[in-house]
């Protein structure tokens, strides 16, 4: 949910509340599952924060990937699980 909050914040700060509500409705039609930040996920995110410089929402994404044992290929995910960098770009313009 941390990443969802970041997406919501970014849209609202750039486009205002009405556009944010429209985009939120659009996002709800996508095959996205929101995951609550429970104690286990929060602990893993804190472990990541203790050793890596990264944004609040990004560490929850990495923590969830680790807990779910997300498989990756080195060519497509680069060093994602090693957490050198993580950049997500949204264009709602």
Foldseek 3Di string as FASTA:
>chain_A
DLVVVVVLVVCCVVPNDVVSVVVVVVVVVDPDDDDDCDPQLVVQLVVCVVPDDDDSSLSSVLSVCVVVVPDDDCVPCPCSNVPPDDDDDDDPD
